[in-house]
N, C-alpha and C. Protein backbone atom coordinates (compact mmCIF):
# COMPACT_ATOMS: atom_id res chain seq x y z
N UNK A 1 5.24 17.49 5.45
CA UNK A 1 4.09 16.94 4.74
C UNK A 1 3.95 15.47 5.14
N UNK A 2 2.74 15.06 5.48
CA UNK A 2 2.48 13.68 5.90
C UNK A 2 2.54 12.75 4.69
N UNK A 3 2.73 11.44 4.91
CA UNK A 3 2.72 10.49 3.80
C UNK A 3 1.42 10.55 2.98
N UNK A 4 0.29 10.71 3.64
CA UNK A 4 -0.99 10.79 2.91
C UNK A 4 -1.02 12.04 2.03
N UNK A 5 -0.51 13.14 2.53
CA UNK A 5 -0.44 14.37 1.73
C UNK A 5 0.52 14.21 0.57
N UNK A 6 1.62 13.48 0.78
CA UNK A 6 2.57 13.21 -0.30
C UNK A 6 1.92 12.39 -1.40
N UNK A 7 1.14 11.38 -1.01
CA UNK A 7 0.42 10.57 -2.00
C UNK A 7 -0.56 11.45 -2.76
N UNK A 8 -1.32 12.26 -2.05
CA UNK A 8 -2.31 13.13 -2.69
C UNK A 8 -1.65 14.06 -3.70
N UNK A 9 -0.55 14.66 -3.34
CA UNK A 9 0.15 15.57 -4.24
C UNK A 9 0.69 14.84 -5.47
N UNK A 10 1.33 13.70 -5.24
CA UNK A 10 1.91 12.94 -6.35
C UNK A 10 0.84 12.46 -7.32
N UNK A 11 -0.28 12.00 -6.80
CA UNK A 11 -1.36 11.48 -7.64
C UNK A 11 -2.05 12.60 -8.41
N UNK A 12 -2.35 13.70 -7.76
CA UNK A 12 -3.05 14.78 -8.46
C UNK A 12 -2.15 15.49 -9.47
N UNK A 13 -0.85 15.32 -9.36
CA UNK A 13 0.07 15.88 -10.35
C UNK A 13 0.12 15.05 -11.64
N UNK A 14 -0.43 13.84 -11.61
CA UNK A 14 -0.40 12.98 -12.80
C UNK A 14 -1.35 13.48 -13.87
N UNK A 15 -0.90 13.42 -15.12
CA UNK A 15 -1.78 13.75 -16.23
C UNK A 15 -2.86 12.67 -16.30
N UNK A 16 -4.08 13.03 -16.44
CA UNK A 16 -5.17 12.07 -16.49
C UNK A 16 -5.99 12.01 -15.22
N UNK A 17 -5.46 12.56 -14.13
CA UNK A 17 -6.18 12.58 -12.85
C UNK A 17 -6.84 13.95 -12.70
N UNK A 18 -8.17 13.95 -12.63
CA UNK A 18 -8.91 15.21 -12.46
C UNK A 18 -8.86 15.67 -11.01
N UNK A 19 -9.09 14.72 -10.09
CA UNK A 19 -9.09 15.05 -8.66
C UNK A 19 -9.18 13.79 -7.84
N UNK A 20 -8.96 13.93 -6.54
CA UNK A 20 -9.21 12.85 -5.60
C UNK A 20 -10.69 12.88 -5.24
N UNK A 21 -11.21 11.74 -4.80
CA UNK A 21 -12.63 11.63 -4.48
C UNK A 21 -12.77 11.06 -3.07
N UNK A 22 -13.50 11.74 -2.23
CA UNK A 22 -13.65 11.33 -0.84
C UNK A 22 -14.70 10.27 -0.59
N UNK A 23 -15.31 9.72 -1.63
CA UNK A 23 -16.36 8.74 -1.45
C UNK A 23 -17.72 9.42 -1.39
N UNK A 24 -18.76 8.63 -1.46
CA UNK A 24 -20.12 9.15 -1.51
C UNK A 24 -20.45 10.01 -0.29
N UNK A 25 -20.02 9.56 0.87
CA UNK A 25 -20.31 10.29 2.11
C UNK A 25 -19.07 10.91 2.73
N UNK A 26 -18.00 11.01 1.96
CA UNK A 26 -16.76 11.57 2.49
C UNK A 26 -16.01 10.62 3.40
N UNK A 27 -16.29 9.33 3.26
CA UNK A 27 -15.71 8.34 4.16
C UNK A 27 -14.29 7.93 3.82
N UNK A 28 -13.81 8.28 2.64
CA UNK A 28 -12.46 7.91 2.23
C UNK A 28 -11.53 9.07 2.54
N UNK A 29 -10.76 8.92 3.61
CA UNK A 29 -9.86 10.00 4.02
C UNK A 29 -8.85 9.48 5.03
N UNK A 30 -7.77 10.20 5.13
CA UNK A 30 -6.80 9.99 6.21
C UNK A 30 -6.91 11.21 7.12
N UNK A 31 -7.13 10.95 8.38
CA UNK A 31 -7.31 12.03 9.35
C UNK A 31 -5.97 12.40 9.97
N UNK A 32 -5.71 13.68 9.99
CA UNK A 32 -4.47 14.23 10.54
C UNK A 32 -4.82 15.27 11.59
N UNK A 33 -3.88 15.59 12.46
CA UNK A 33 -4.14 16.68 13.40
C UNK A 33 -4.46 17.97 12.64
N UNK A 34 -5.62 18.51 12.86
CA UNK A 34 -5.99 19.75 12.22
C UNK A 34 -6.55 19.62 10.81
N UNK A 35 -6.79 18.42 10.35
CA UNK A 35 -7.34 18.29 9.00
C UNK A 35 -7.43 16.85 8.53
N UNK A 36 -7.73 16.72 7.25
CA UNK A 36 -7.86 15.39 6.66
C UNK A 36 -7.44 15.45 5.20
N UNK A 37 -7.06 14.30 4.67
CA UNK A 37 -6.70 14.19 3.26
C UNK A 37 -7.79 13.35 2.59
N UNK A 38 -8.69 14.01 1.88
CA UNK A 38 -9.78 13.31 1.22
C UNK A 38 -9.27 12.50 0.04
N UNK A 39 -9.83 11.30 -0.13
CA UNK A 39 -9.49 10.46 -1.27
C UNK A 39 -8.31 9.54 -1.06
N UNK A 40 -7.65 9.65 0.09
CA UNK A 40 -6.51 8.79 0.40
C UNK A 40 -6.74 8.17 1.77
N UNK A 41 -6.77 6.84 1.81
CA UNK A 41 -6.89 6.13 3.08
C UNK A 41 -5.60 5.34 3.26
N UNK A 42 -4.84 5.69 4.27
CA UNK A 42 -3.52 5.10 4.48
C UNK A 42 -3.45 4.46 5.86
N UNK A 43 -2.99 3.20 5.88
CA UNK A 43 -2.71 2.53 7.15
C UNK A 43 -1.49 1.64 6.94
N UNK A 44 -1.15 0.84 7.94
CA UNK A 44 0.07 0.02 7.87
C UNK A 44 0.03 -1.02 6.76
N UNK A 45 -1.15 -1.47 6.40
CA UNK A 45 -1.26 -2.54 5.40
C UNK A 45 -1.27 -2.04 3.96
N UNK A 46 -1.53 -0.77 3.76
CA UNK A 46 -1.56 -0.27 2.38
C UNK A 46 -2.21 1.10 2.27
N UNK A 47 -2.29 1.54 1.04
CA UNK A 47 -2.91 2.84 0.75
C UNK A 47 -4.02 2.61 -0.27
N UNK A 48 -5.13 3.26 -0.04
CA UNK A 48 -6.27 3.21 -0.96
C UNK A 48 -6.47 4.62 -1.50
N UNK A 49 -6.49 4.73 -2.83
CA UNK A 49 -6.61 6.03 -3.46
C UNK A 49 -7.86 6.04 -4.33
N UNK A 50 -8.76 6.98 -4.08
CA UNK A 50 -10.00 7.12 -4.85
C UNK A 50 -9.86 8.35 -5.74
N UNK A 51 -10.05 8.14 -7.04
CA UNK A 51 -9.77 9.20 -8.01
C UNK A 51 -10.92 9.41 -8.98
N UNK A 52 -10.93 10.60 -9.56
CA UNK A 52 -11.76 10.93 -10.71
C UNK A 52 -10.78 11.14 -11.86
N UNK A 53 -11.00 10.43 -12.96
CA UNK A 53 -10.09 10.49 -14.10
C UNK A 53 -10.75 11.17 -15.29
N UNK A 54 -9.91 11.64 -16.21
CA UNK A 54 -10.43 12.26 -17.42
C UNK A 54 -10.84 11.18 -18.42
N UNK A 55 -12.00 11.35 -18.99
CA UNK A 55 -12.62 10.39 -19.89
C UNK A 55 -11.81 10.13 -21.15
N UNK A 56 -11.11 11.14 -21.65
CA UNK A 56 -10.41 10.98 -22.93
C UNK A 56 -9.05 10.30 -22.79
N UNK A 57 -8.64 9.94 -21.59
CA UNK A 57 -7.39 9.21 -21.38
C UNK A 57 -7.67 7.72 -21.27
N UNK A 58 -6.61 6.92 -21.37
CA UNK A 58 -6.71 5.48 -21.19
C UNK A 58 -6.89 5.23 -19.68
N UNK A 59 -8.11 4.92 -19.29
CA UNK A 59 -8.46 4.80 -17.87
C UNK A 59 -7.60 3.76 -17.17
N UNK A 60 -7.42 2.61 -17.80
CA UNK A 60 -6.62 1.54 -17.17
C UNK A 60 -5.17 1.97 -17.00
N UNK A 61 -4.62 2.63 -18.00
CA UNK A 61 -3.22 3.07 -17.92
C UNK A 61 -3.04 4.13 -16.83
N UNK A 62 -3.96 5.06 -16.75
CA UNK A 62 -3.86 6.10 -15.72
C UNK A 62 -4.03 5.48 -14.34
N UNK A 63 -4.97 4.58 -14.18
CA UNK A 63 -5.17 3.91 -12.88
C UNK A 63 -3.92 3.12 -12.48
N UNK A 64 -3.29 2.46 -13.44
CA UNK A 64 -2.06 1.72 -13.16
C UNK A 64 -0.94 2.66 -12.73
N UNK A 65 -0.86 3.83 -13.36
CA UNK A 65 0.14 4.82 -12.99
C UNK A 65 -0.14 5.38 -11.59
N UNK A 66 -1.40 5.61 -11.27
CA UNK A 66 -1.77 6.05 -9.92
C UNK A 66 -1.31 5.00 -8.90
N UNK A 67 -1.57 3.74 -9.20
CA UNK A 67 -1.17 2.66 -8.30
C UNK A 67 0.34 2.62 -8.10
N UNK A 68 1.08 2.72 -9.19
CA UNK A 68 2.55 2.68 -9.13
C UNK A 68 3.09 3.86 -8.31
N UNK A 69 2.59 5.05 -8.60
CA UNK A 69 3.08 6.26 -7.92
C UNK A 69 2.72 6.23 -6.44
N UNK A 70 1.49 5.92 -6.11
CA UNK A 70 1.05 5.90 -4.71
C UNK A 70 1.86 4.89 -3.90
N UNK A 71 2.04 3.70 -4.45
CA UNK A 71 2.81 2.67 -3.77
C UNK A 71 4.26 3.10 -3.60
N UNK A 72 4.81 3.74 -4.61
CA UNK A 72 6.19 4.20 -4.55
C UNK A 72 6.41 5.28 -3.51
N UNK A 73 5.44 6.12 -3.31
CA UNK A 73 5.58 7.22 -2.34
C UNK A 73 5.65 6.69 -0.92
N UNK A 74 4.81 5.72 -0.60
CA UNK A 74 4.72 5.26 0.79
C UNK A 74 5.31 3.87 1.04
N UNK A 75 5.65 3.15 -0.02
CA UNK A 75 6.29 1.85 0.14
C UNK A 75 5.39 0.73 0.62
N UNK A 76 4.10 0.87 0.42
CA UNK A 76 3.14 -0.19 0.76
C UNK A 76 2.25 -0.42 -0.46
N UNK A 77 1.57 -1.57 -0.54
CA UNK A 77 0.68 -1.82 -1.69
C UNK A 77 -0.40 -0.75 -1.81
N UNK A 78 -0.76 -0.45 -3.05
CA UNK A 78 -1.79 0.57 -3.31
C UNK A 78 -2.97 -0.05 -4.04
N UNK A 79 -4.15 0.34 -3.63
CA UNK A 79 -5.39 -0.02 -4.31
C UNK A 79 -5.97 1.27 -4.87
N UNK A 80 -6.39 1.22 -6.14
CA UNK A 80 -6.96 2.40 -6.78
C UNK A 80 -8.42 2.14 -7.08
N UNK A 81 -9.27 3.08 -6.72
CA UNK A 81 -10.69 3.02 -7.02
C UNK A 81 -11.02 4.21 -7.91
N UNK A 82 -11.49 3.92 -9.13
CA UNK A 82 -11.91 4.99 -10.03
C UNK A 82 -13.37 5.28 -9.70
N UNK A 83 -13.61 6.39 -9.04
CA UNK A 83 -14.95 6.76 -8.59
C UNK A 83 -15.79 7.36 -9.71
N UNK A 84 -15.14 8.04 -10.65
CA UNK A 84 -15.89 8.72 -11.70
C UNK A 84 -14.92 9.09 -12.82
N UNK A 85 -15.48 9.43 -13.96
CA UNK A 85 -14.72 9.98 -15.08
C UNK A 85 -15.42 11.26 -15.53
N UNK A 86 -14.63 12.23 -15.96
CA UNK A 86 -15.18 13.51 -16.39
C UNK A 86 -14.50 13.94 -17.68
N UNK A 87 -15.18 14.81 -18.42
CA UNK A 87 -14.61 15.37 -19.63
C UNK A 87 -13.70 16.54 -19.26
N UNK A 88 -12.67 16.73 -20.05
CA UNK A 88 -11.82 17.92 -19.86
C UNK A 88 -12.59 19.13 -20.36
N UNK A 89 -12.43 20.24 -19.67
CA UNK A 89 -13.11 21.46 -20.10
C UNK A 89 -12.11 22.45 -20.63
């Protein structure tokens, strides 16, 4: 599993994260041989994670946890962008 895939798995496993978000035009992704990881942009300087969070959770706390987890997985600074919030169904 690639580092970007590891970040994606760790982040989507967090309570409060509905899904990763690839950006308005799908521009937020890490490209891999044979595929891509939407919502995670990883390079040598850091990782950028775009997420959709659940509305009924503490958005700031969940975003901070996403940042901590993503940075911990790959060992570089993480930036979190909350693209949207949704209600739990």
